[in-house]
Amino acid sequence: MQPLTKDKRREDPFYAHFPELKTLLRDLPLGRRGTTLMKFIENPNFMSQWDTDMRYCKGDDINRNWVDRWRNQAKDVVGAIGT
C-alpha cells in the first residue's frame, strides 16, 4: 500500500482517521498481505466510539472503558501485523 497523490488525499488511508479509516481500508483491495488487518477492520467493535472530535472534549466526557478497549485493540492490531 502506497500513499496516493495529493489530489486524492481525501481517499487516502494514510491520512484518514477513524471511523473513515475503517471504511477506506475495508474497501481497499489489500490482497493476502491484508488478511490479518482485515480481521480487525471487519469487526464492528474494533475502535468503536472512536472519533477525532473527541480530541477537544473534556477528559471525563470519554468513557474509561472505551479508552482501555482502544488501547488493547491498538496493541493487538499492531502486534498482529508485525510492526
PDB file of N, CA and C in Angstrom:
ATOM      1  N   MET A   1       0.846  -1.171   0.000  1.00  0.00           N
ATOM      2  CA  MET A   1       0.000   0.000   0.000  1.00  0.00           C
ATOM      3  C   MET A   1       0.892   1.235   0.000  1.00  0.00           C
ATOM      4  N   GLN A   2       0.630   2.134  -0.918  1.00  0.00           N
ATOM      5  CA  GLN A   2       1.419   3.349  -1.057  1.00  0.00           C
ATOM      6  C   GLN A   2       0.504   4.574  -0.939  1.00  0.00           C
ATOM      7  N   PRO A   3       1.028   5.684  -0.434  1.00  0.00           N
ATOM      8  CA  PRO A   3       0.213   6.903  -0.362  1.00  0.00           C
ATOM      9  C   PRO A   3      -0.250   7.322  -1.758  1.00  0.00           C
ATOM     10  N   LEU A   4      -1.456   7.892  -1.822  1.00  0.00           N
ATOM     11  CA  LEU A   4      -1.992   8.397  -3.078  1.00  0.00           C
ATOM     12  C   LEU A   4      -1.441   9.795  -3.352  1.00  0.00           C
ATOM     13  N   THR A   5      -1.687  10.298  -4.535  1.00  0.00           N
ATOM     14  CA  THR A   5      -1.243  11.646  -4.881  1.00  0.00           C
ATOM     15  C   THR A   5      -2.043  12.673  -4.072  1.00  0.00           C
ATOM     16  N   LYS A   6      -1.529  13.898  -3.985  1.00  0.00           N
ATOM     17  CA  LYS A   6      -2.160  14.936  -3.164  1.00  0.00           C
ATOM     18  C   LYS A   6      -3.603  15.207  -3.566  1.00  0.00           C
ATOM     19  N   ASP A   7      -3.930  15.115  -4.850  1.00  0.00           N
ATOM     20  CA  ASP A   7      -5.291  15.388  -5.292  1.00  0.00           C
ATOM     21  C   ASP A   7      -6.286  14.314  -4.839  1.00  0.00           C
ATOM     22  N   LYS A   8      -5.793  13.179  -4.345  1.00  0.00           N
ATOM     23  CA  LYS A   8      -6.666  12.100  -3.868  1.00  0.00           C
ATOM     24  C   LYS A   8      -6.511  11.869  -2.361  1.00  0.00           C
ATOM     25  N   ARG A   9      -5.990  12.845  -1.664  1.00  0.00           N
ATOM     26  CA  ARG A   9      -5.692  12.685  -0.242  1.00  0.00           C
ATOM     27  C   ARG A   9      -6.924  12.350   0.598  1.00  0.00           C
ATOM     28  N   ARG A  10      -8.094  12.863   0.232  1.00  0.00           N
ATOM     29  CA  ARG A  10      -9.311  12.562   0.990  1.00  0.00           C
ATOM     30  C   ARG A  10      -9.681  11.087   0.921  1.00  0.00           C
ATOM     31  N   GLU A  11      -9.199  10.392  -0.090  1.00  0.00           N
ATOM     32  CA  GLU A  11      -9.481   8.964  -0.261  1.00  0.00           C
ATOM     33  C   GLU A  11      -8.317   8.104   0.227  1.00  0.00           C
ATOM     34  N   ASP A  12      -7.302   8.714   0.783  1.00  0.00           N
ATOM     35  CA  ASP A  12      -6.066   8.021   1.125  1.00  0.00           C
ATOM     36  C   ASP A  12      -6.056   7.546   2.580  1.00  0.00           C
ATOM     37  N   PRO A  13      -5.995   6.216   2.800  1.00  0.00           N
ATOM     38  CA  PRO A  13      -5.944   5.700   4.166  1.00  0.00           C
ATOM     39  C   PRO A  13      -4.758   6.221   4.981  1.00  0.00           C
ATOM     40  N   PHE A  14      -3.681   6.636   4.324  1.00  0.00           N
ATOM     41  CA  PHE A  14      -2.517   7.157   5.045  1.00  0.00           C
ATOM     42  C   PHE A  14      -2.845   8.435   5.810  1.00  0.00           C
ATOM     43  N   TYR A  15      -3.898   9.146   5.407  1.00  0.00           N
ATOM     44  CA  TYR A  15      -4.249  10.413   6.032  1.00  0.00           C
ATOM     45  C   TYR A  15      -5.616  10.385   6.701  1.00  0.00           C
ATOM     46  N   ALA A  16      -6.250   9.226   6.756  1.00  0.00           N
ATOM     47  CA  ALA A  16      -7.602   9.114   7.305  1.00  0.00           C
ATOM     48  C   ALA A  16      -7.569   8.808   8.806  1.00  0.00           C
ATOM     49  N   HIS A  17      -8.671   9.086   9.452  1.00  0.00           N
ATOM     50  CA  HIS A  17      -8.857   8.807  10.874  1.00  0.00           C
ATOM     51  C   HIS A  17     -10.095   7.940  11.034  1.00  0.00           C
ATOM     52  N   PHE A  18     -10.209   7.287  12.190  1.00  0.00           N
ATOM     53  CA  PHE A  18     -11.402   6.511  12.472  1.00  0.00           C
ATOM     54  C   PHE A  18     -12.576   7.451  12.656  1.00  0.00           C
ATOM     55  N   PRO A  19     -13.747   7.071  12.207  1.00  0.00           N
ATOM     56  CA  PRO A  19     -14.158   5.801  11.631  1.00  0.00           C
ATOM     57  C   PRO A  19     -13.955   5.707  10.117  1.00  0.00           C
ATOM     58  N   GLU A  20     -13.614   6.812   9.441  1.00  0.00           N
ATOM     59  CA  GLU A  20     -13.437   6.774   7.988  1.00  0.00           C
ATOM     60  C   GLU A  20     -12.316   5.822   7.572  1.00  0.00           C
ATOM     61  N   LEU A  21     -11.282   5.715   8.385  1.00  0.00           N
ATOM     62  CA  LEU A  21     -10.164   4.834   8.062  1.00  0.00           C
ATOM     63  C   LEU A  21     -10.634   3.391   7.909  1.00  0.00           C
ATOM     64  N   LYS A  22     -11.509   2.951   8.800  1.00  0.00           N
ATOM     65  CA  LYS A  22     -12.034   1.585   8.710  1.00  0.00           C
ATOM     66  C   LYS A  22     -12.720   1.361   7.368  1.00  0.00           C
ATOM     67  N   THR A  23     -13.525   2.310   6.953  1.00  0.00           N
ATOM     68  CA  THR A  23     -14.249   2.184   5.689  1.00  0.00           C
ATOM     69  C   THR A  23     -13.279   2.158   4.508  1.00  0.00           C
ATOM     70  N   LEU A  24     -12.309   3.055   4.499  1.00  0.00           N
ATOM     71  CA  LEU A  24     -11.337   3.094   3.399  1.00  0.00           C
ATOM     72  C   LEU A  24     -10.541   1.795   3.314  1.00  0.00           C
ATOM     73  N   LEU A  25     -10.093   1.286   4.452  1.00  0.00           N
ATOM     74  CA  LEU A  25      -9.322   0.046   4.449  1.00  0.00           C
ATOM     75  C   LEU A  25     -10.185  -1.145   4.054  1.00  0.00           C
ATOM     76  N   ARG A  26     -11.417  -1.156   4.502  1.00  0.00           N
ATOM     77  CA  ARG A  26     -12.318  -2.259   4.161  1.00  0.00           C
ATOM     78  C   ARG A  26     -12.564  -2.317   2.655  1.00  0.00           C
ATOM     79  N   ASP A  27     -12.638  -1.154   2.015  1.00  0.00           N
ATOM     80  CA  ASP A  27     -12.937  -1.090   0.589  1.00  0.00           C
ATOM     81  C   ASP A  27     -11.693  -1.180  -0.294  1.00  0.00           C
ATOM     82  N   LEU A  28     -10.524  -1.173   0.306  1.00  0.00           N
ATOM     83  CA  LEU A  28      -9.268  -1.219  -0.441  1.00  0.00           C
ATOM     84  C   LEU A  28      -8.859  -2.671  -0.693  1.00  0.00           C
ATOM     85  N   PRO A  29      -8.492  -3.013  -1.915  1.00  0.00           N
ATOM     86  CA  PRO A  29      -8.043  -4.395  -2.168  1.00  0.00           C
ATOM     87  C   PRO A  29      -6.634  -4.606  -1.607  1.00  0.00           C
ATOM     88  N   LEU A  30      -6.546  -5.180  -0.424  1.00  0.00           N
ATOM     89  CA  LEU A  30      -5.259  -5.358   0.245  1.00  0.00           C
ATOM     90  C   LEU A  30      -4.580  -6.678  -0.105  1.00  0.00           C
ATOM     91  N   GLY A  31      -5.316  -7.607  -0.688  1.00  0.00           N
ATOM     92  CA  GLY A  31      -4.728  -8.897  -1.052  1.00  0.00           C
ATOM     93  C   GLY A  31      -4.429  -9.749   0.171  1.00  0.00           C
ATOM     94  N   ARG A  32      -3.646 -10.786  -0.049  1.00  0.00           N
ATOM     95  CA  ARG A  32      -3.334 -11.723   1.039  1.00  0.00           C
ATOM     96  C   ARG A  32      -2.582 -11.061   2.179  1.00  0.00           C
ATOM     97  N   ARG A  33      -1.760 -10.087   1.872  1.00  0.00           N
ATOM     98  CA  ARG A  33      -0.987  -9.416   2.923  1.00  0.00           C
ATOM     99  C   ARG A  33      -1.879  -8.664   3.889  1.00  0.00           C
ATOM    100  N   GLY A  34      -3.101  -8.321   3.466  1.00  0.00           N
ATOM    101  CA  GLY A  34      -4.013  -7.578   4.314  1.00  0.00           C
ATOM    102  C   GLY A  34      -4.968  -8.434   5.116  1.00  0.00           C
ATOM    103  N   THR A  35      -4.858  -9.758   4.990  1.00  0.00           N
ATOM    104  CA  THR A  35      -5.792 -10.662   5.667  1.00  0.00           C
ATOM    105  C   THR A  35      -5.824 -10.432   7.173  1.00  0.00           C
ATOM    106  N   THR A  36      -4.688 -10.328   7.801  1.00  0.00           N
ATOM    107  CA  THR A  36      -4.632 -10.131   9.251  1.00  0.00           C
ATOM    108  C   THR A  36      -5.294  -8.819   9.647  1.00  0.00           C
ATOM    109  N   LEU A  37      -4.980  -7.750   8.934  1.00  0.00           N
ATOM    110  CA  LEU A  37      -5.571  -6.449   9.224  1.00  0.00           C
ATOM    111  C   LEU A  37      -7.079  -6.479   9.023  1.00  0.00           C
ATOM    112  N   MET A  38      -7.544  -7.160   7.983  1.00  0.00           N
ATOM    113  CA  MET A  38      -8.973  -7.212   7.698  1.00  0.00           C
ATOM    114  C   MET A  38      -9.767  -7.890   8.808  1.00  0.00           C
ATOM    115  N   LYS A  39      -9.156  -8.818   9.527  1.00  0.00           N
ATOM    116  CA  LYS A  39      -9.854  -9.457  10.649  1.00  0.00           C
ATOM    117  C   LYS A  39     -10.242  -8.411  11.690  1.00  0.00           C
ATOM    118  N   PHE A  40      -9.411  -7.427  11.875  1.00  0.00           N
ATOM    119  CA  PHE A  40      -9.707  -6.354  12.823  1.00  0.00           C
ATOM    120  C   PHE A  40     -10.709  -5.364  12.222  1.00  0.00           C
ATOM    121  N   ILE A  41     -10.452  -4.945  10.991  1.00  0.00           N
ATOM    122  CA  ILE A  41     -11.275  -3.934  10.332  1.00  0.00           C
ATOM    123  C   ILE A  41     -12.719  -4.386  10.192  1.00  0.00           C
ATOM    124  N   GLU A  42     -12.928  -5.652   9.915  1.00  0.00           N
ATOM    125  CA  GLU A  42     -14.286  -6.163   9.708  1.00  0.00           C
ATOM    126  C   GLU A  42     -15.049  -6.379  11.019  1.00  0.00           C
ATOM    127  N   ASN A  43     -14.373  -6.282  12.141  1.00  0.00           N
ATOM    128  CA  ASN A  43     -15.027  -6.436  13.440  1.00  0.00           C
ATOM    129  C   ASN A  43     -15.720  -5.111  13.786  1.00  0.00           C
ATOM    130  N   PRO A  44     -17.059  -5.112  13.923  1.00  0.00           N
ATOM    131  CA  PRO A  44     -17.762  -3.856  14.196  1.00  0.00           C
ATOM    132  C   PRO A  44     -17.388  -3.222  15.540  1.00  0.00           C
ATOM    133  N   ASN A  45     -16.799  -3.992  16.438  1.00  0.00           N
ATOM    134  CA  ASN A  45     -16.394  -3.446  17.735  1.00  0.00           C
ATOM    135  C   ASN A  45     -14.991  -2.844  17.727  1.00  0.00           C
ATOM    136  N   PHE A  46     -14.257  -3.051  16.646  1.00  0.00           N
ATOM    137  CA  PHE A  46     -12.890  -2.548  16.579  1.00  0.00           C
ATOM    138  C   PHE A  46     -12.885  -1.027  16.531  1.00  0.00           C
ATOM    139  N   MET A  47     -12.335  -0.421  17.559  1.00  0.00           N
ATOM    140  CA  MET A  47     -12.217   1.033  17.708  1.00  0.00           C
ATOM    141  C   MET A  47     -13.574   1.737  17.631  1.00  0.00           C
ATOM    142  N   SER A  48     -14.635   1.034  18.041  1.00  0.00           N
ATOM    143  CA  SER A  48     -15.958   1.664  18.027  1.00  0.00           C
ATOM    144  C   SER A  48     -15.993   2.802  19.046  1.00  0.00           C
ATOM    145  N   GLN A  49     -16.804   3.775  18.787  1.00  0.00           N
ATOM    146  CA  GLN A  49     -16.954   5.027  19.534  1.00  0.00           C
ATOM    147  C   GLN A  49     -15.781   5.986  19.354  1.00  0.00           C
ATOM    148  N   TRP A  50     -14.728   5.580  18.649  1.00  0.00           N
ATOM    149  CA  TRP A  50     -13.598   6.464  18.453  1.00  0.00           C
ATOM    150  C   TRP A  50     -13.928   7.495  17.388  1.00  0.00           C
ATOM    151  N   ASP A  51     -13.572   8.735  17.632  1.00  0.00           N
ATOM    152  CA  ASP A  51     -13.780   9.798  16.660  1.00  0.00           C
ATOM    153  C   ASP A  51     -12.800  10.926  16.973  1.00  0.00           C
ATOM    154  N   THR A  52     -12.280  11.558  15.961  1.00  0.00           N
ATOM    155  CA  THR A  52     -11.312  12.629  16.175  1.00  0.00           C
ATOM    156  C   THR A  52     -11.928  13.848  16.867  1.00  0.00           C
ATOM    157  N   ASP A  53     -13.242  13.981  16.831  1.00  0.00           N
ATOM    158  CA  ASP A  53     -13.887  15.110  17.512  1.00  0.00           C
ATOM    159  C   ASP A  53     -13.636  15.083  19.016  1.00  0.00           C
ATOM    160  N   MET A  54     -13.295  13.922  19.545  1.00  0.00           N
ATOM    161  CA  MET A  54     -13.051  13.797  20.988  1.00  0.00           C
ATOM    162  C   MET A  54     -11.787  14.504  21.441  1.00  0.00           C
ATOM    163  N   ARG A  55     -10.911  14.834  20.533  1.00  0.00           N
ATOM    164  CA  ARG A  55      -9.634  15.425  20.953  1.00  0.00           C
ATOM    165  C   ARG A  55      -9.797  16.763  21.662  1.00  0.00           C
ATOM    166  N   TYR A  56     -10.941  17.416  21.479  1.00  0.00           N
ATOM    167  CA  TYR A  56     -11.157  18.717  22.106  1.00  0.00           C
ATOM    168  C   TYR A  56     -12.159  18.677  23.260  1.00  0.00           C
ATOM    169  N   CYS A  57     -12.621  17.496  23.620  1.00  0.00           N
ATOM    170  CA  CYS A  57     -13.598  17.418  24.704  1.00  0.00           C
ATOM    171  C   CYS A  57     -12.885  17.281  26.055  1.00  0.00           C
ATOM    172  N   LYS A  58     -13.641  17.465  27.104  1.00  0.00           N
ATOM    173  CA  LYS A  58     -13.091  17.264  28.444  1.00  0.00           C
ATOM    174  C   LYS A  58     -12.803  15.774  28.624  1.00  0.00           C
ATOM    175  N   GLY A  59     -11.753  15.463  29.312  1.00  0.00           N
ATOM    176  CA  GLY A  59     -11.350  14.077  29.506  1.00  0.00           C
ATOM    177  C   GLY A  59     -12.404  13.201  30.151  1.00  0.00           C
ATOM    178  N   ASP A  60     -13.200  13.777  31.047  1.00  0.00           N
ATOM    179  CA  ASP A  60     -14.211  12.952  31.709  1.00  0.00           C
ATOM    180  C   ASP A  60     -15.439  12.715  30.831  1.00  0.00           C
ATOM    181  N   ASP A  61     -15.457  13.281  29.619  1.00  0.00           N
ATOM    182  CA  ASP A  61     -16.544  13.021  28.671  1.00  0.00           C
ATOM    183  C   ASP A  61     -16.355  11.687  27.948  1.00  0.00           C
ATOM    184  N   ILE A  62     -15.170  11.104  28.067  1.00  0.00           N
ATOM    185  CA  ILE A  62     -14.856   9.861  27.361  1.00  0.00           C
ATOM    186  C   ILE A  62     -14.887   8.709  28.359  1.00  0.00           C
ATOM    187  N   ASN A  63     -15.643   7.709  28.021  1.00  0.00           N
ATOM    188  CA  ASN A  63     -15.805   6.535  28.878  1.00  0.00           C
ATOM    189  C   ASN A  63     -14.458   5.828  29.046  1.00  0.00           C
ATOM    190  N   ARG A  64     -14.056   5.625  30.273  1.00  0.00           N
ATOM    191  CA  ARG A  64     -12.762   4.991  30.582  1.00  0.00           C
ATOM    192  C   ARG A  64     -12.676   3.574  30.009  1.00  0.00           C
ATOM    193  N   ASN A  65     -13.802   2.863  29.979  1.00  0.00           N
ATOM    194  CA  ASN A  65     -13.810   1.521  29.399  1.00  0.00           C
ATOM    195  C   ASN A  65     -13.475   1.549  27.911  1.00  0.00           C
ATOM    196  N   TRP A  66     -13.931   2.610  27.206  1.00  0.00           N
ATOM    197  CA  TRP A  66     -13.599   2.747  25.795  1.00  0.00           C
ATOM    198  C   TRP A  66     -12.091   2.895  25.625  1.00  0.00           C
ATOM    199  N   VAL A  67     -11.507   3.746  26.455  1.00  0.00           N
ATOM    200  CA  VAL A  67     -10.070   4.004  26.359  1.00  0.00           C
ATOM    201  C   VAL A  67      -9.280   2.715  26.586  1.00  0.00           C
ATOM    202  N   ASP A  68      -9.654   1.960  27.582  1.00  0.00           N
ATOM    203  CA  ASP A  68      -8.980   0.683  27.845  1.00  0.00           C
ATOM    204  C   ASP A  68      -9.138  -0.269  26.665  1.00  0.00           C
ATOM    205  N   ARG A  69     -10.334  -0.337  26.093  1.00  0.00           N
ATOM    206  CA  ARG A  69     -10.582  -1.212  24.946  1.00  0.00           C
ATOM    207  C   ARG A  69      -9.773  -0.755  23.738  1.00  0.00           C
ATOM    208  N   TRP A  70      -9.758   0.554  23.462  1.00  0.00           N
ATOM    209  CA  TRP A  70      -8.986   1.077  22.324  1.00  0.00           C
ATOM    210  C   TRP A  70      -7.504   0.764  22.473  1.00  0.00           C
ATOM    211  N   ARG A  71      -6.990   0.945  23.683  1.00  0.00           N
ATOM    212  CA  ARG A  71      -5.570   0.671  23.930  1.00  0.00           C
ATOM    213  C   ARG A  71      -5.262  -0.802  23.639  1.00  0.00           C
ATOM    214  N   ASN A  72      -6.086  -1.682  24.148  1.00  0.00           N
ATOM    215  CA  ASN A  72      -5.871  -3.111  23.927  1.00  0.00           C
ATOM    216  C   ASN A  72      -6.017  -3.485  22.455  1.00  0.00           C
ATOM    217  N   GLN A  73      -7.004  -2.913  21.786  1.00  0.00           N
ATOM    218  CA  GLN A  73      -7.194  -3.201  20.369  1.00  0.00           C
ATOM    219  C   GLN A  73      -6.016  -2.684  19.546  1.00  0.00           C
ATOM    220  N   ALA A  74      -5.533  -1.504  19.873  1.00  0.00           N
ATOM    221  CA  ALA A  74      -4.385  -0.957  19.151  1.00  0.00           C
ATOM    222  C   ALA A  74      -3.155  -1.839  19.335  1.00  0.00           C
ATOM    223  N   LYS A  75      -2.913  -2.274  20.564  1.00  0.00           N
ATOM    224  CA  LYS A  75      -1.776  -3.165  20.814  1.00  0.00           C
ATOM    225  C   LYS A  75      -1.941  -4.479  20.053  1.00  0.00           C
ATOM    226  N   ASP A  76      -3.155  -5.016  20.034  1.00  0.00           N
ATOM    227  CA  ASP A  76      -3.412  -6.269  19.333  1.00  0.00           C
ATOM    228  C   ASP A  76      -3.169  -6.153  17.839  1.00  0.00           C
ATOM    229  N   VAL A  77      -3.688  -5.091  17.227  1.00  0.00           N
ATOM    230  CA  VAL A  77      -3.533  -4.959  15.771  1.00  0.00           C
ATOM    231  C   VAL A  77      -2.086  -4.683  15.386  1.00  0.00           C
ATOM    232  N   VAL A  78      -1.409  -3.845  16.126  1.00  0.00           N
ATOM    233  CA  VAL A  78      -0.001  -3.542  15.819  1.00  0.00           C
ATOM    234  C   VAL A  78       0.846  -4.809  15.988  1.00  0.00           C
ATOM    235  N   GLY A  79       0.586  -5.568  17.034  1.00  0.00           N
ATOM    236  CA  GLY A  79       1.311  -6.811  17.237  1.00  0.00           C
ATOM    237  C   GLY A  79       1.014  -7.846  16.160  1.00  0.00           C
ATOM    238  N   ALA A  80      -0.237  -7.897  15.707  1.00  0.00           N
ATOM    239  CA  ALA A  80      -0.646  -8.892  14.711  1.00  0.00           C
ATOM    240  C   ALA A  80      -0.075  -8.615  13.326  1.00  0.00           C
ATOM    241  N   ILE A  81       0.102  -7.333  12.995  1.00  0.00           N
ATOM    242  CA  ILE A  81       0.613  -7.025  11.659  1.00  0.00           C
ATOM    243  C   ILE A  81       2.131  -6.910  11.644  1.00  0.00           C
ATOM    244  N   GLY A  82       2.741  -7.161  12.784  1.00  0.00           N
ATOM    245  CA  GLY A  82       4.190  -7.240  12.827  1.00  0.00           C
ATOM    246  C   GLY A  82       4.945  -5.937  12.755  1.00  0.00           C
ATOM    247  N   THR A  83       4.355  -4.873  13.310  1.00  0.00           N
ATOM    248  CA  THR A  83       5.075  -3.593  13.313  1.00  0.00           C
ATOM    249  C   THR A  83       5.637  -3.296  14.678  1.00  0.00           C
TER     250      THR A  83
END
